[in-house]
Amino acid sequence: MIDKDIIGTGHWIFAGVSMLAFLIFLVWSYKKDGPTHKQAYKGSSLFLLFLLVGFFLLFIFKRLF
């Protein structure tokens, strides 16, 4: 078990700043590639919807029978 005193306030600040920087970079990257995603992955949302509905129906039918 990890002793709570080993992870100090500085570690939590570093983790928070690192996570915030990563999220900012992630959002920036996706905004930059937005037009490419719309062109390259056209129709993928419909495929994902069918996939989710299929898994849901499989789950329901498996529970019923």
Protein backbone atom coordinates (compact mmCIF):
# COMPACT_ATOMS: atom_id res chain seq x y z
CA MET A 1 0.00 0.00 0.00
CA ILE A 2 1.29 3.47 -0.84
CA ASP A 3 1.85 5.83 2.03
CA LYS A 4 -0.20 9.02 1.56
CA ASP A 5 2.68 11.17 2.78
CA ILE A 6 4.84 10.20 -0.22
CA ILE A 7 2.49 11.97 -2.65
CA GLY A 8 2.64 15.60 -1.64
CA THR A 9 0.90 18.75 -2.74
CA GLY A 10 3.51 19.42 -5.41
CA HIS A 11 2.79 16.10 -7.05
CA TRP A 12 -0.93 16.89 -7.25
CA ILE A 13 -0.25 20.35 -8.68
CA PHE A 14 2.07 18.84 -11.30
CA ALA A 15 -0.53 16.19 -12.19
CA GLY A 16 -3.26 18.83 -12.52
CA VAL A 17 -1.17 21.14 -14.70
CA SER A 18 -0.05 18.22 -16.88
CA MET A 19 -3.63 17.03 -17.32
CA LEU A 20 -4.82 20.54 -18.18
CA ALA A 21 -2.02 21.00 -20.73
CA PHE A 22 -2.84 17.63 -22.32
CA LEU A 23 -6.54 18.47 -22.58
CA ILE A 24 -5.81 21.86 -24.13
CA PHE A 25 -3.51 20.23 -26.68
CA LEU A 26 -6.13 17.55 -27.40
CA VAL A 27 -8.90 20.11 -28.03
CA TRP A 28 -6.58 22.23 -30.18
CA SER A 29 -5.57 19.21 -32.28
CA TYR A 30 -9.15 18.10 -32.87
CA LYS A 31 -10.24 21.62 -33.85
CA LYS A 32 -7.32 21.84 -36.26
CA ASP A 33 -8.19 18.48 -37.88
CA GLY A 34 -11.96 19.07 -37.92
CA PRO A 35 -12.36 19.58 -41.67
CA THR A 36 -10.27 16.48 -42.38
CA HIS A 37 -12.38 14.38 -40.03
CA LYS A 38 -15.60 15.51 -41.70
CA GLN A 39 -14.24 14.51 -45.09
CA ALA A 40 -12.46 11.27 -44.19
CA TYR A 41 -14.99 9.82 -41.74
CA LYS A 42 -18.21 10.71 -43.54
CA GLY A 43 -20.98 8.32 -42.46
CA SER A 44 -19.08 6.88 -39.51
CA SER A 45 -21.58 8.28 -36.99
CA LEU A 46 -24.37 6.27 -38.65
CA PHE A 47 -22.23 3.13 -38.46
CA LEU A 48 -21.53 3.79 -34.78
CA LEU A 49 -25.25 4.27 -34.13
CA PHE A 50 -26.08 0.92 -35.78
CA LEU A 51 -23.29 -0.75 -33.83
CA LEU A 52 -24.56 0.59 -30.51
CA VAL A 53 -28.15 -0.37 -31.29
CA GLY A 54 -26.97 -3.85 -32.29
CA PHE A 55 -25.07 -4.32 -29.04
CA PHE A 56 -28.04 -3.03 -27.08
CA LEU A 57 -30.41 -5.46 -28.79
CA LEU A 58 -27.96 -8.30 -28.24
CA PHE A 59 -27.79 -7.42 -24.56
CA ILE A 60 -31.60 -7.25 -24.26
CA PHE A 61 -32.22 -10.54 -26.09
CA LYS A 62 -29.53 -12.30 -24.13
CA ARG A 63 -31.19 -11.18 -20.87
CA LEU A 64 -34.65 -12.28 -22.02
CA PHE A 65 -33.75 -15.78 -23.21
